[in-house]
């Protein structure tokens, strides 16, 4: 299966969801090339950006699991071919 490079943006609106988000990211650490997390205290949210390198199925599985976590929003963009 072809691997793709992409970016994933995650917004955590409730800090109580952070442990579940981190557990999912740990499960998919093999496809995460880089991660930056910023707590935006004034707005009471945290924003995480990921650079990923994996198959479309792996990336979709990870973002799908993240999207099912309460108070978490996820968006991704993948390179067409790399």
PDB file of N, CA and C in Angstrom:
ATOM      1  N   UNK A   1       0.842  -1.181   0.000  1.00  0.00           N
ATOM      2  CA  UNK A   1       0.000   0.000   0.000  1.00  0.00           C
ATOM      3  C   UNK A   1       0.890   1.247   0.000  1.00  0.00           C
ATOM      4  N   UNK A   2       0.549   2.231  -0.810  1.00  0.00           N
ATOM      5  CA  UNK A   2       1.327   3.459  -0.912  1.00  0.00           C
ATOM      6  C   UNK A   2       1.206   4.299   0.347  1.00  0.00           C
ATOM      7  N   UNK A   3       2.330   4.903   0.716  1.00  0.00           N
ATOM      8  CA  UNK A   3       2.333   5.819   1.848  1.00  0.00           C
ATOM      9  C   UNK A   3       2.125   7.227   1.335  1.00  0.00           C
ATOM     10  N   UNK A   4       1.511   8.043   2.186  1.00  0.00           N
ATOM     11  CA  UNK A   4       1.270   9.436   1.835  1.00  0.00           C
ATOM     12  C   UNK A   4       1.720  10.328   2.974  1.00  0.00           C
ATOM     13  N   UNK A   5       2.137  11.525   2.620  1.00  0.00           N
ATOM     14  CA  UNK A   5       2.508  12.534   3.608  1.00  0.00           C
ATOM     15  C   UNK A   5       1.354  13.504   3.730  1.00  0.00           C
ATOM     16  N   UNK A   6       1.092  13.946   4.956  1.00  0.00           N
ATOM     17  CA  UNK A   6       0.008  14.886   5.146  1.00  0.00           C
ATOM     18  C   UNK A   6       0.115  15.624   6.465  1.00  0.00           C
ATOM     19  N   UNK A   7      -0.863  16.480   6.686  1.00  0.00           N
ATOM     20  CA  UNK A   7      -0.976  17.226   7.940  1.00  0.00           C
ATOM     21  C   UNK A   7      -2.332  16.933   8.558  1.00  0.00           C
ATOM     22  N   UNK A   8      -2.355  16.894   9.887  1.00  0.00           N
ATOM     23  CA  UNK A   8      -3.595  16.680  10.618  1.00  0.00           C
ATOM     24  C   UNK A   8      -3.683  17.779  11.666  1.00  0.00           C
ATOM     25  N   UNK A   9      -4.812  18.474  11.695  1.00  0.00           N
ATOM     26  CA  UNK A   9      -5.075  19.494  12.709  1.00  0.00           C
ATOM     27  C   UNK A   9      -6.117  18.986  13.684  1.00  0.00           C
ATOM     28  N   UNK A  10      -5.846  19.147  14.976  1.00  0.00           N
ATOM     29  CA  UNK A  10      -6.738  18.658  16.021  1.00  0.00           C
ATOM     30  C   UNK A  10      -7.018  19.807  16.979  1.00  0.00           C
ATOM     31  N   UNK A  11      -8.294  20.047  17.287  1.00  0.00           N
ATOM     32  CA  UNK A  11      -8.679  21.041  18.284  1.00  0.00           C
ATOM     33  C   UNK A  11      -9.367  20.300  19.421  1.00  0.00           C
ATOM     34  N   UNK A  12      -8.813  20.439  20.620  1.00  0.00           N
ATOM     35  CA  UNK A  12      -9.368  19.793  21.818  1.00  0.00           C
ATOM     36  C   UNK A  12     -10.058  20.885  22.628  1.00  0.00           C
ATOM     37  N   UNK A  13     -11.391  20.819  22.691  1.00  0.00           N
ATOM     38  CA  UNK A  13     -12.162  21.862  23.362  1.00  0.00           C
ATOM     39  C   UNK A  13     -12.400  21.586  24.839  1.00  0.00           C
ATOM     40  N   UNK A  14     -12.099  20.384  25.294  1.00  0.00           N
ATOM     41  CA  UNK A  14     -12.255  20.036  26.705  1.00  0.00           C
ATOM     42  C   UNK A  14     -11.009  19.282  27.139  1.00  0.00           C
ATOM     43  N   UNK A  15     -10.289  19.838  28.094  1.00  0.00           N
ATOM     44  CA  UNK A  15      -9.036  19.239  28.556  1.00  0.00           C
ATOM     45  C   UNK A  15      -9.233  17.812  29.059  1.00  0.00           C
ATOM     46  N   UNK A  16     -10.436  17.473  29.477  1.00  0.00           N
ATOM     47  CA  UNK A  16     -10.715  16.114  29.950  1.00  0.00           C
ATOM     48  C   UNK A  16     -10.608  15.080  28.828  1.00  0.00           C
ATOM     49  N   UNK A  17     -10.627  15.518  27.581  1.00  0.00           N
ATOM     50  CA  UNK A  17     -10.484  14.613  26.441  1.00  0.00           C
ATOM     51  C   UNK A  17      -9.025  14.389  26.055  1.00  0.00           C
ATOM     52  N   UNK A  18      -8.117  15.129  26.671  1.00  0.00           N
ATOM     53  CA  UNK A  18      -6.703  15.083  26.280  1.00  0.00           C
ATOM     54  C   UNK A  18      -6.084  13.701  26.467  1.00  0.00           C
ATOM     55  N   UNK A  19      -6.423  13.012  27.549  1.00  0.00           N
ATOM     56  CA  UNK A  19      -5.836  11.688  27.776  1.00  0.00           C
ATOM     57  C   UNK A  19      -6.222  10.706  26.676  1.00  0.00           C
ATOM     58  N   UNK A  20      -7.480  10.744  26.250  1.00  0.00           N
ATOM     59  CA  UNK A  20      -7.929   9.851  25.184  1.00  0.00           C
ATOM     60  C   UNK A  20      -7.252  10.190  23.858  1.00  0.00           C
ATOM     61  N   UNK A  21      -7.116  11.488  23.579  1.00  0.00           N
ATOM     62  CA  UNK A  21      -6.430  11.923  22.359  1.00  0.00           C
ATOM     63  C   UNK A  21      -4.985  11.441  22.376  1.00  0.00           C
ATOM     64  N   UNK A  22      -4.297  11.642  23.485  1.00  0.00           N
ATOM     65  CA  UNK A  22      -2.898  11.218  23.579  1.00  0.00           C
ATOM     66  C   UNK A  22      -2.739   9.709  23.466  1.00  0.00           C
ATOM     67  N   UNK A  23      -3.693   8.948  23.990  1.00  0.00           N
ATOM     68  CA  UNK A  23      -3.630   7.486  23.866  1.00  0.00           C
ATOM     69  C   UNK A  23      -3.744   7.066  22.404  1.00  0.00           C
ATOM     70  N   UNK A  24      -4.641   7.704  21.665  1.00  0.00           N
ATOM     71  CA  UNK A  24      -4.795   7.395  20.236  1.00  0.00           C
ATOM     72  C   UNK A  24      -3.527   7.765  19.479  1.00  0.00           C
ATOM     73  N   UNK A  25      -2.982   8.953  19.760  1.00  0.00           N
ATOM     74  CA  UNK A  25      -1.754   9.374  19.082  1.00  0.00           C
ATOM     75  C   UNK A  25      -0.607   8.430  19.403  1.00  0.00           C
ATOM     76  N   UNK A  26      -0.549   7.927  20.616  1.00  0.00           N
ATOM     77  CA  UNK A  26       0.483   6.953  20.977  1.00  0.00           C
ATOM     78  C   UNK A  26       0.328   5.670  20.147  1.00  0.00           C
ATOM     79  N   UNK A  27      -0.912   5.223  19.966  1.00  0.00           N
ATOM     80  CA  UNK A  27      -1.165   4.017  19.173  1.00  0.00           C
ATOM     81  C   UNK A  27      -0.721   4.178  17.718  1.00  0.00           C
ATOM     82  N   UNK A  28      -0.734   5.401  17.220  1.00  0.00           N
ATOM     83  CA  UNK A  28      -0.367   5.665  15.829  1.00  0.00           C
ATOM     84  C   UNK A  28       0.976   6.398  15.718  1.00  0.00           C
ATOM     85  N   UNK A  29       1.805   6.310  16.739  1.00  0.00           N
ATOM     86  CA  UNK A  29       3.081   7.034  16.743  1.00  0.00           C
ATOM     87  C   UNK A  29       3.993   6.617  15.582  1.00  0.00           C
ATOM     88  N   UNK A  30       3.784   5.417  15.059  1.00  0.00           N
ATOM     89  CA  UNK A  30       4.627   4.942  13.948  1.00  0.00           C
ATOM     90  C   UNK A  30       4.389   5.713  12.647  1.00  0.00           C
ATOM     91  N   UNK A  31       3.284   6.452  12.535  1.00  0.00           N
ATOM     92  CA  UNK A  31       3.043   7.248  11.328  1.00  0.00           C
ATOM     93  C   UNK A  31       3.214   8.745  11.585  1.00  0.00           C
ATOM     94  N   UNK A  32       3.492   9.139  12.821  1.00  0.00           N
ATOM     95  CA  UNK A  32       3.639  10.554  13.164  1.00  0.00           C
ATOM     96  C   UNK A  32       5.103  10.950  13.035  1.00  0.00           C
ATOM     97  N   UNK A  33       5.374  11.872  12.105  1.00  0.00           N
ATOM     98  CA  UNK A  33       6.727  12.358  11.866  1.00  0.00           C
ATOM     99  C   UNK A  33       7.042  13.507  12.822  1.00  0.00           C
ATOM    100  N   UNK A  34       6.066  14.369  13.052  1.00  0.00           N
ATOM    101  CA  UNK A  34       6.252  15.521  13.931  1.00  0.00           C
ATOM    102  C   UNK A  34       4.938  15.929  14.569  1.00  0.00           C
ATOM    103  N   UNK A  35       5.067  16.560  15.745  1.00  0.00           N
ATOM    104  CA  UNK A  35       3.875  16.962  16.485  1.00  0.00           C
ATOM    105  C   UNK A  35       4.155  18.279  17.188  1.00  0.00           C
ATOM    106  N   UNK A  36       3.193  19.209  17.113  1.00  0.00           N
ATOM    107  CA  UNK A  36       3.286  20.453  17.862  1.00  0.00           C
ATOM    108  C   UNK A  36       1.952  20.675  18.564  1.00  0.00           C
ATOM    109  N   UNK A  37       1.996  20.909  19.850  1.00  0.00           N
ATOM    110  CA  UNK A  37       0.779  21.160  20.605  1.00  0.00           C
ATOM    111  C   UNK A  37       0.855  22.503  21.296  1.00  0.00           C
ATOM    112  N   UNK A  38      -0.199  23.280  21.171  1.00  0.00           N
ATOM    113  CA  UNK A  38      -0.248  24.613  21.762  1.00  0.00           C
ATOM    114  C   UNK A  38      -1.499  24.737  22.626  1.00  0.00           C
ATOM    115  N   UNK A  39      -1.339  24.963  23.932  1.00  0.00           N
ATOM    116  CA  UNK A  39      -2.516  25.249  24.763  1.00  0.00           C
ATOM    117  C   UNK A  39      -2.883  26.731  24.604  1.00  0.00           C
ATOM    118  N   UNK A  40      -4.085  26.990  24.156  1.00  0.00           N
ATOM    119  CA  UNK A  40      -4.561  28.368  23.964  1.00  0.00           C
ATOM    120  C   UNK A  40      -5.455  28.684  25.154  1.00  0.00           C
ATOM    121  N   UNK A  41      -4.827  29.067  26.245  1.00  0.00           N
ATOM    122  CA  UNK A  41      -5.523  29.217  27.530  1.00  0.00           C
ATOM    123  C   UNK A  41      -6.626  30.269  27.498  1.00  0.00           C
ATOM    124  N   UNK A  42      -6.415  31.358  26.758  1.00  0.00           N
ATOM    125  CA  UNK A  42      -7.429  32.418  26.701  1.00  0.00           C
ATOM    126  C   UNK A  42      -8.747  31.912  26.125  1.00  0.00           C
ATOM    127  N   UNK A  43      -8.667  30.955  25.214  1.00  0.00           N
ATOM    128  CA  UNK A  43      -9.863  30.389  24.581  1.00  0.00           C
ATOM    129  C   UNK A  43     -10.259  29.046  25.192  1.00  0.00           C
ATOM    130  N   UNK A  44      -9.442  28.559  26.142  1.00  0.00           N
ATOM    131  CA  UNK A  44      -9.686  27.285  26.817  1.00  0.00           C
ATOM    132  C   UNK A  44      -9.772  26.105  25.845  1.00  0.00           C
ATOM    133  N   UNK A  45      -8.846  26.093  24.860  1.00  0.00           N
ATOM    134  CA  UNK A  45      -8.730  24.975  23.919  1.00  0.00           C
ATOM    135  C   UNK A  45      -7.247  24.647  23.766  1.00  0.00           C
ATOM    136  N   UNK A  46      -6.970  23.486  23.229  1.00  0.00           N
ATOM    137  CA  UNK A  46      -5.616  23.107  22.834  1.00  0.00           C
ATOM    138  C   UNK A  46      -5.645  22.749  21.358  1.00  0.00           C
ATOM    139  N   UNK A  47      -4.585  23.120  20.665  1.00  0.00           N
ATOM    140  CA  UNK A  47      -4.479  22.852  19.235  1.00  0.00           C
ATOM    141  C   UNK A  47      -3.235  21.994  19.010  1.00  0.00           C
ATOM    142  N   UNK A  48      -3.415  20.897  18.286  1.00  0.00           N
ATOM    143  CA  UNK A  48      -2.311  19.982  17.976  1.00  0.00           C
ATOM    144  C   UNK A  48      -2.202  19.879  16.462  1.00  0.00           C
ATOM    145  N   UNK A  49      -0.982  20.022  15.963  1.00  0.00           N
ATOM    146  CA  UNK A  49      -0.752  19.799  14.530  1.00  0.00           C
ATOM    147  C   UNK A  49       0.221  18.642  14.380  1.00  0.00           C
ATOM    148  N   UNK A  50      -0.071  17.791  13.413  1.00  0.00           N
ATOM    149  CA  UNK A  50       0.747  16.607  13.155  1.00  0.00           C
ATOM    150  C   UNK A  50       1.212  16.590  11.709  1.00  0.00           C
ATOM    151  N   UNK A  51       2.427  16.114  11.502  1.00  0.00           N
ATOM    152  CA  UNK A  51       2.890  15.731  10.174  1.00  0.00           C
ATOM    153  C   UNK A  51       2.878  14.209  10.190  1.00  0.00           C
ATOM    154  N   UNK A  52       2.204  13.611   9.222  1.00  0.00           N
ATOM    155  CA  UNK A  52       2.064  12.155   9.188  1.00  0.00           C
ATOM    156  C   UNK A  52       2.621  11.586   7.894  1.00  0.00           C
ATOM    157  N   UNK A  53       3.060  10.333   7.961  1.00  0.00           N
ATOM    158  CA  UNK A  53       3.565   9.611   6.798  1.00  0.00           C
ATOM    159  C   UNK A  53       3.105   8.165   6.955  1.00  0.00           C
ATOM    160  N   UNK A  54       2.034   7.810   6.258  1.00  0.00           N
ATOM    161  CA  UNK A  54       1.482   6.468   6.383  1.00  0.00           C
ATOM    162  C   UNK A  54       0.526   6.177   5.250  1.00  0.00           C
ATOM    163  N   UNK A  55      -0.047   5.006   5.284  1.00  0.00           N
ATOM    164  CA  UNK A  55      -1.026   4.655   4.250  1.00  0.00           C
ATOM    165  C   UNK A  55      -2.310   5.446   4.487  1.00  0.00           C
ATOM    166  N   UNK A  56      -3.092   5.576   3.441  1.00  0.00           N
ATOM    167  CA  UNK A  56      -4.380   6.267   3.564  1.00  0.00           C
ATOM    168  C   UNK A  56      -5.253   5.604   4.618  1.00  0.00           C
ATOM    169  N   UNK A  57      -5.216   4.269   4.675  1.00  0.00           N
ATOM    170  CA  UNK A  57      -6.014   3.536   5.662  1.00  0.00           C
ATOM    171  C   UNK A  57      -5.583   3.850   7.089  1.00  0.00           C
ATOM    172  N   UNK A  58      -4.269   3.895   7.326  1.00  0.00           N
ATOM    173  CA  UNK A  58      -3.767   4.198   8.676  1.00  0.00           C
ATOM    174  C   UNK A  58      -4.144   5.611   9.105  1.00  0.00           C
ATOM    175  N   UNK A  59      -3.952   6.558   8.206  1.00  0.00           N
ATOM    176  CA  UNK A  59      -4.251   7.952   8.528  1.00  0.00           C
ATOM    177  C   UNK A  59      -5.749   8.128   8.755  1.00  0.00           C
ATOM    178  N   UNK A  60      -6.568   7.515   7.915  1.00  0.00           N
ATOM    179  CA  UNK A  60      -8.023   7.596   8.080  1.00  0.00           C
ATOM    180  C   UNK A  60      -8.486   6.947   9.374  1.00  0.00           C
ATOM    181  N   UNK A  61      -7.878   5.824   9.740  1.00  0.00           N
ATOM    182  CA  UNK A  61      -8.244   5.145  10.984  1.00  0.00           C
ATOM    183  C   UNK A  61      -7.927   6.036  12.179  1.00  0.00           C
ATOM    184  N   UNK A  62      -6.755   6.667  12.168  1.00  0.00           N
ATOM    185  CA  UNK A  62      -6.372   7.537  13.270  1.00  0.00           C
ATOM    186  C   UNK A  62      -7.302   8.740  13.373  1.00  0.00           C
ATOM    187  N   UNK A  63      -7.544   9.420  12.243  1.00  0.00           N
ATOM    188  CA  UNK A  63      -8.397  10.611  12.294  1.00  0.00           C
ATOM    189  C   UNK A  63      -9.839  10.238  12.636  1.00  0.00           C
ATOM    190  N   UNK A  64     -10.286   9.074  12.198  1.00  0.00           N
ATOM    191  CA  UNK A  64     -11.631   8.622  12.549  1.00  0.00           C
ATOM    192  C   UNK A  64     -11.787   8.407  14.041  1.00  0.00           C
ATOM    193  N   UNK A  65     -10.800   7.766  14.651  1.00  0.00           N
ATOM    194  CA  UNK A  65     -10.849   7.548  16.105  1.00  0.00           C
ATOM    195  C   UNK A  65     -10.793   8.866  16.850  1.00  0.00           C
ATOM    196  N   UNK A  66      -9.929   9.775  16.402  1.00  0.00           N
ATOM    197  CA  UNK A  66      -9.842  11.084  17.046  1.00  0.00           C
ATOM    198  C   UNK A  66     -11.157  11.855  16.917  1.00  0.00           C
ATOM    199  N   UNK A  67     -11.776  11.767  15.760  1.00  0.00           N
ATOM    200  CA  UNK A  67     -13.026  12.482  15.523  1.00  0.00           C
ATOM    201  C   UNK A  67     -14.189  11.986  16.357  1.00  0.00           C
ATOM    202  N   UNK A  68     -14.089  10.772  16.886  1.00  0.00           N
ATOM    203  CA  UNK A  68     -15.154  10.230  17.731  1.00  0.00           C
ATOM    204  C   UNK A  68     -14.986  10.592  19.210  1.00  0.00           C
ATOM    205  N   UNK A  69     -13.871  11.224  19.553  1.00  0.00           N
ATOM    206  CA  UNK A  69     -13.652  11.645  20.941  1.00  0.00           C
ATOM    207  C   UNK A  69     -14.495  12.893  21.205  1.00  0.00           C
ATOM    208  N   UNK A  70     -15.145  12.907  22.350  1.00  0.00           N
ATOM    209  CA  UNK A  70     -16.018  14.031  22.731  1.00  0.00           C
ATOM    210  C   UNK A  70     -15.218  15.335  22.767  1.00  0.00           C
ATOM    211  N   UNK A  71     -15.785  16.374  22.181  1.00  0.00           N
ATOM    212  CA  UNK A  71     -15.209  17.726  22.169  1.00  0.00           C
ATOM    213  C   UNK A  71     -13.873  17.822  21.440  1.00  0.00           C
ATOM    214  N   UNK A  72     -13.679  16.986  20.427  1.00  0.00           N
ATOM    215  CA  UNK A  72     -12.462  17.025  19.611  1.00  0.00           C
ATOM    216  C   UNK A  72     -12.857  17.169  18.146  1.00  0.00           C
ATOM    217  N   UNK A  73     -12.210  18.101  17.444  1.00  0.00           N
ATOM    218  CA  UNK A  73     -12.421  18.302  16.009  1.00  0.00           C
ATOM    219  C   UNK A  73     -11.128  17.981  15.280  1.00  0.00           C
ATOM    220  N   UNK A  74     -11.245  17.333  14.123  1.00  0.00           N
ATOM    221  CA  UNK A  74     -10.070  16.887  13.368  1.00  0.00           C
ATOM    222  C   UNK A  74     -10.268  17.192  11.883  1.00  0.00           C
ATOM    223  N   UNK A  75      -9.209  17.674  11.255  1.00  0.00           N
ATOM    224  CA  UNK A  75      -9.184  17.872   9.801  1.00  0.00           C
ATOM    225  C   UNK A  75      -7.828  17.404   9.289  1.00  0.00           C
ATOM    226  N   UNK A  76      -7.808  16.869   8.087  1.00  0.00           N
ATOM    227  CA  UNK A  76      -6.544  16.403   7.518  1.00  0.00           C
ATOM    228  C   UNK A  76      -6.445  16.807   6.055  1.00  0.00           C
ATOM    229  N   UNK A  77      -5.206  16.901   5.586  1.00  0.00           N
ATOM    230  CA  UNK A  77      -4.927  17.157   4.173  1.00  0.00           C
ATOM    231  C   UNK A  77      -3.741  16.281   3.790  1.00  0.00           C
ATOM    232  N   UNK A  78      -3.887  15.567   2.684  1.00  0.00           N
ATOM    233  CA  UNK A  78      -2.850  14.647   2.239  1.00  0.00           C
ATOM    234  C   UNK A  78      -2.274  15.082   0.903  1.00  0.00           C
ATOM    235  N   UNK A  79      -0.986  14.847   0.721  1.00  0.00           N
ATOM    236  CA  UNK A  79      -0.362  15.094  -0.576  1.00  0.00           C
ATOM    237  C   UNK A  79      -0.948  14.108  -1.580  1.00  0.00           C
ATOM    238  N   UNK A  80      -1.110  14.530  -2.821  1.00  0.00           N
ATOM    239  CA  UNK A  80      -1.677  13.647  -3.829  1.00  0.00           C
ATOM    240  C   UNK A  80      -0.777  12.455  -4.098  1.00  0.00           C
ATOM    241  N   UNK A  81       0.534  12.705  -4.169  1.00  0.00           N
ATOM    242  CA  UNK A  81       1.461  11.629  -4.490  1.00  0.00           C
ATOM    243  C   UNK A  81       2.835  11.963  -3.949  1.00  0.00           C
ATOM    244  N   UNK A  82       3.374  11.081  -3.118  1.00  0.00           N
ATOM    245  CA  UNK A  82       4.757  11.240  -2.645  1.00  0.00           C
ATOM    246  C   UNK A  82       5.285   9.872  -2.310  1.00  0.00           C
TER     247      UNK A  82
END
